Amino acid sequence: MTAGFVSWLQGGGLITTESLCFLPHNKTLLQSFAGQTVDTAPKFPRLHAFLDQGRQEIEAVTHSIRAACIAAPARSLANLKNS
Protein backbone atom coordinates (compact mmCIF):
# COMPACT_ATOMS: atom_id res chain seq x y z
CA MET A 1 0.00 0.00 0.00
CA THR A 2 1.18 3.52 -0.73
CA ALA A 3 1.57 6.15 1.97
CA GLY A 4 -1.20 8.20 0.33
CA PHE A 5 -3.65 5.28 0.44
CA VAL A 6 -2.85 4.56 4.09
CA SER A 7 -3.30 8.27 4.90
CA TRP A 8 -6.67 8.22 3.12
CA LEU A 9 -7.75 5.18 5.15
CA GLN A 10 -6.79 7.02 8.33
CA GLY A 11 -8.97 10.02 7.51
CA GLY A 12 -6.77 12.00 5.15
CA GLY A 13 -8.34 13.91 2.32
CA LEU A 14 -7.54 14.86 -1.25
CA ILE A 15 -5.78 18.23 -1.37
CA THR A 16 -5.36 20.23 -4.57
CA THR A 17 -2.86 23.07 -4.45
CA GLU A 18 -1.54 25.81 -6.64
CA SER A 19 1.52 27.73 -5.52
CA LEU A 20 3.04 30.75 -7.18
CA CYS A 21 6.79 31.13 -6.68
CA PHE A 22 9.26 33.73 -7.82
CA LEU A 23 11.88 32.31 -10.17
CA PRO A 24 15.33 32.08 -8.53
CA HIS A 25 17.13 33.76 -11.43
CA ASN A 26 14.52 36.50 -12.02
CA LYS A 27 12.59 37.75 -8.99
CA THR A 28 10.06 39.60 -11.19
CA LEU A 29 8.68 36.42 -12.83
CA LEU A 30 6.30 33.94 -11.20
CA GLN A 31 5.99 30.23 -11.91
CA SER A 32 2.88 28.24 -11.08
CA PHE A 33 3.01 24.73 -9.58
CA ALA A 34 -0.17 22.67 -9.27
CA GLY A 35 -0.64 19.25 -7.76
CA GLN A 36 -2.83 16.81 -5.88
CA THR A 37 -2.05 14.43 -3.06
CA VAL A 38 -3.68 12.84 -0.03
CA ASP A 39 -2.85 14.81 3.10
CA THR A 40 -4.13 15.16 6.64
CA ALA A 41 -5.84 18.38 7.79
CA PRO A 42 -5.27 20.66 9.58
CA LYS A 43 -1.45 20.39 9.58
CA PHE A 44 -0.98 19.14 5.98
CA PRO A 45 2.47 17.54 6.49
CA ARG A 46 2.90 16.50 2.83
CA LEU A 47 2.14 20.01 1.59
CA HIS A 48 4.65 21.50 4.05
CA ALA A 49 7.30 18.96 3.00
CA PHE A 50 6.76 19.91 -0.67
CA LEU A 51 7.07 23.64 0.08
CA ASP A 52 10.18 23.09 2.23
CA GLN A 53 11.79 21.10 -0.57
CA GLY A 54 11.13 23.95 -3.01
CA ARG A 55 12.68 26.50 -0.68
CA GLN A 56 15.78 24.37 -0.04
CA GLU A 57 16.49 22.73 -3.41
CA ILE A 58 15.50 25.37 -5.94
CA GLU A 59 15.59 28.40 -3.63
CA ALA A 60 12.02 29.28 -4.56
CA VAL A 61 10.42 32.21 -2.74
CA THR A 62 6.70 31.57 -2.34
CA HIS A 63 4.38 34.34 -3.48
CA SER A 64 1.03 32.67 -2.68
CA ILE A 65 -0.66 29.32 -2.17
CA ARG A 66 -4.24 28.28 -2.91
CA ALA A 67 -5.48 24.98 -1.55
CA ALA A 68 -8.72 23.02 -1.50
CA CYS A 69 -9.22 19.87 0.56
CA ILE A 70 -11.93 17.24 0.38
CA ALA A 71 -11.89 15.29 3.63
CA ALA A 72 -12.51 11.57 3.44
CA PRO A 73 -14.68 9.97 6.11
CA ALA A 74 -12.67 8.16 8.77
CA ARG A 75 -12.30 4.47 8.05
CA SER A 76 -10.02 1.67 9.03
CA LEU A 77 -8.47 -1.34 7.36
CA ALA A 78 -10.38 -3.61 9.72
CA ASN A 79 -13.72 -2.13 8.65
CA LEU A 80 -12.83 -2.49 4.96
CA LYS A 81 -11.78 -6.14 5.39
CA ASN A 82 -15.06 -6.96 7.10
CA SER A 83 -17.22 -5.35 4.37
C-alpha atoms as a PDB file:
ATOM      1  CA  MET A   1       0.000   0.000   0.000  1.00  0.00           C
ATOM      2  CA  THR A   2       1.183   3.519  -0.735  1.00  0.00           C
ATOM      3  CA  ALA A   3       1.571   6.152   1.966  1.00  0.00           C
ATOM      4  CA  GLY A   4      -1.195   8.195   0.332  1.00  0.00           C
ATOM      5  CA  PHE A   5      -3.646   5.281   0.439  1.00  0.00           C
ATOM      6  CA  VAL A   6      -2.853   4.557   4.093  1.00  0.00           C
ATOM      7  CA  SER A   7      -3.301   8.266   4.901  1.00  0.00           C
ATOM      8  CA  TRP A   8      -6.667   8.223   3.120  1.00  0.00           C
ATOM      9  CA  LEU A   9      -7.748   5.180   5.150  1.00  0.00           C
ATOM     10  CA  GLN A  10      -6.795   7.021   8.334  1.00  0.00           C
ATOM     11  CA  GLY A  11      -8.975  10.020   7.512  1.00  0.00           C
ATOM     12  CA  GLY A  12      -6.773  11.996   5.150  1.00  0.00           C
ATOM     13  CA  GLY A  13      -8.342  13.907   2.317  1.00  0.00           C
ATOM     14  CA  LEU A  14      -7.536  14.862  -1.245  1.00  0.00           C
ATOM     15  CA  ILE A  15      -5.784  18.234  -1.369  1.00  0.00           C
ATOM     16  CA  THR A  16      -5.363  20.232  -4.568  1.00  0.00           C
ATOM     17  CA  THR A  17      -2.856  23.071  -4.448  1.00  0.00           C
ATOM     18  CA  GLU A  18      -1.537  25.809  -6.643  1.00  0.00           C
ATOM     19  CA  SER A  19       1.515  27.728  -5.517  1.00  0.00           C
ATOM     20  CA  LEU A  20       3.045  30.752  -7.177  1.00  0.00           C
ATOM     21  CA  CYS A  21       6.794  31.130  -6.681  1.00  0.00           C
ATOM     22  CA  PHE A  22       9.265  33.734  -7.818  1.00  0.00           C
ATOM     23  CA  LEU A  23      11.878  32.309 -10.169  1.00  0.00           C
ATOM     24  CA  PRO A  24      15.330  32.077  -8.528  1.00  0.00           C
ATOM     25  CA  HIS A  25      17.129  33.764 -11.428  1.00  0.00           C
ATOM     26  CA  ASN A  26      14.524  36.503 -12.018  1.00  0.00           C
ATOM     27  CA  LYS A  27      12.588  37.754  -8.994  1.00  0.00           C
ATOM     28  CA  THR A  28      10.063  39.597 -11.194  1.00  0.00           C
ATOM     29  CA  LEU A  29       8.682  36.416 -12.828  1.00  0.00           C
ATOM     30  CA  LEU A  30       6.298  33.942 -11.197  1.00  0.00           C
ATOM     31  CA  GLN A  31       5.989  30.232 -11.906  1.00  0.00           C
ATOM     32  CA  SER A  32       2.876  28.236 -11.079  1.00  0.00           C
ATOM     33  CA  PHE A  33       3.009  24.730  -9.576  1.00  0.00           C
ATOM     34  CA  ALA A  34      -0.174  22.666  -9.266  1.00  0.00           C
ATOM     35  CA  GLY A  35      -0.638  19.246  -7.756  1.00  0.00           C
ATOM     36  CA  GLN A  36      -2.826  16.808  -5.878  1.00  0.00           C
ATOM     37  CA  THR A  37      -2.053  14.426  -3.059  1.00  0.00           C
ATOM     38  CA  VAL A  38      -3.683  12.843  -0.033  1.00  0.00           C
ATOM     39  CA  ASP A  39      -2.851  14.807   3.101  1.00  0.00           C
ATOM     40  CA  THR A  40      -4.134  15.163   6.645  1.00  0.00           C
ATOM     41  CA  ALA A  41      -5.837  18.375   7.786  1.00  0.00           C
ATOM     42  CA  PRO A  42      -5.273  20.662   9.575  1.00  0.00           C
ATOM     43  CA  LYS A  43      -1.455  20.388   9.583  1.00  0.00           C
ATOM     44  CA  PHE A  44      -0.982  19.144   5.975  1.00  0.00           C
ATOM     45  CA  PRO A  45       2.472  17.538   6.493  1.00  0.00           C
ATOM     46  CA  ARG A  46       2.901  16.495   2.835  1.00  0.00           C
ATOM     47  CA  LEU A  47       2.142  20.014   1.592  1.00  0.00           C
ATOM     48  CA  HIS A  48       4.647  21.497   4.048  1.00  0.00           C
ATOM     49  CA  ALA A  49       7.298  18.962   2.995  1.00  0.00           C
ATOM     50  CA  PHE A  50       6.763  19.912  -0.674  1.00  0.00           C
ATOM     51  CA  LEU A  51       7.070  23.635   0.078  1.00  0.00           C
ATOM     52  CA  ASP A  52      10.175  23.088   2.234  1.00  0.00           C
ATOM     53  CA  GLN A  53      11.791  21.101  -0.574  1.00  0.00           C
ATOM     54  CA  GLY A  54      11.132  23.946  -3.014  1.00  0.00           C
ATOM     55  CA  ARG A  55      12.680  26.498  -0.677  1.00  0.00           C
ATOM     56  CA  GLN A  56      15.783  24.370  -0.042  1.00  0.00           C
ATOM     57  CA  GLU A  57      16.494  22.733  -3.408  1.00  0.00           C
ATOM     58  CA  ILE A  58      15.498  25.370  -5.936  1.00  0.00           C
ATOM     59  CA  GLU A  59      15.586  28.403  -3.632  1.00  0.00           C
ATOM     60  CA  ALA A  60      12.025  29.284  -4.558  1.00  0.00           C
ATOM     61  CA  VAL A  61      10.417  32.206  -2.745  1.00  0.00           C
ATOM     62  CA  THR A  62       6.702  31.569  -2.339  1.00  0.00           C
ATOM     63  CA  HIS A  63       4.378  34.343  -3.483  1.00  0.00           C
ATOM     64  CA  SER A  64       1.034  32.674  -2.678  1.00  0.00           C
ATOM     65  CA  ILE A  65      -0.655  29.316  -2.174  1.00  0.00           C
ATOM     66  CA  ARG A  66      -4.244  28.281  -2.910  1.00  0.00           C
ATOM     67  CA  ALA A  67      -5.477  24.978  -1.545  1.00  0.00           C
ATOM     68  CA  ALA A  68      -8.719  23.020  -1.497  1.00  0.00           C
ATOM     69  CA  CYS A  69      -9.216  19.875   0.555  1.00  0.00           C
ATOM     70  CA  ILE A  70     -11.926  17.241   0.385  1.00  0.00           C
ATOM     71  CA  ALA A  71     -11.888  15.290   3.628  1.00  0.00           C
ATOM     72  CA  ALA A  72     -12.513  11.567   3.440  1.00  0.00           C
ATOM     73  CA  PRO A  73     -14.679   9.970   6.114  1.00  0.00           C
ATOM     74  CA  ALA A  74     -12.674   8.157   8.774  1.00  0.00           C
ATOM     75  CA  ARG A  75     -12.304   4.474   8.049  1.00  0.00           C
ATOM     76  CA  SER A  76     -10.019   1.670   9.029  1.00  0.00           C
ATOM     77  CA  LEU A  77      -8.473  -1.337   7.361  1.00  0.00           C
ATOM     78  CA  ALA A  78     -10.378  -3.615   9.723  1.00  0.00           C
ATOM     79  CA  ASN A  79     -13.720  -2.126   8.649  1.00  0.00           C
ATOM     80  CA  LEU A  80     -12.829  -2.491   4.959  1.00  0.00           C
ATOM     81  CA  LYS A  81     -11.778  -6.138   5.385  1.00  0.00           C
ATOM     82  CA  ASN A  82     -15.065  -6.961   7.101  1.00  0.00           C
ATOM     83  CA  SER A  83     -17.216  -5.345   4.372  1.00  0.00           C
END
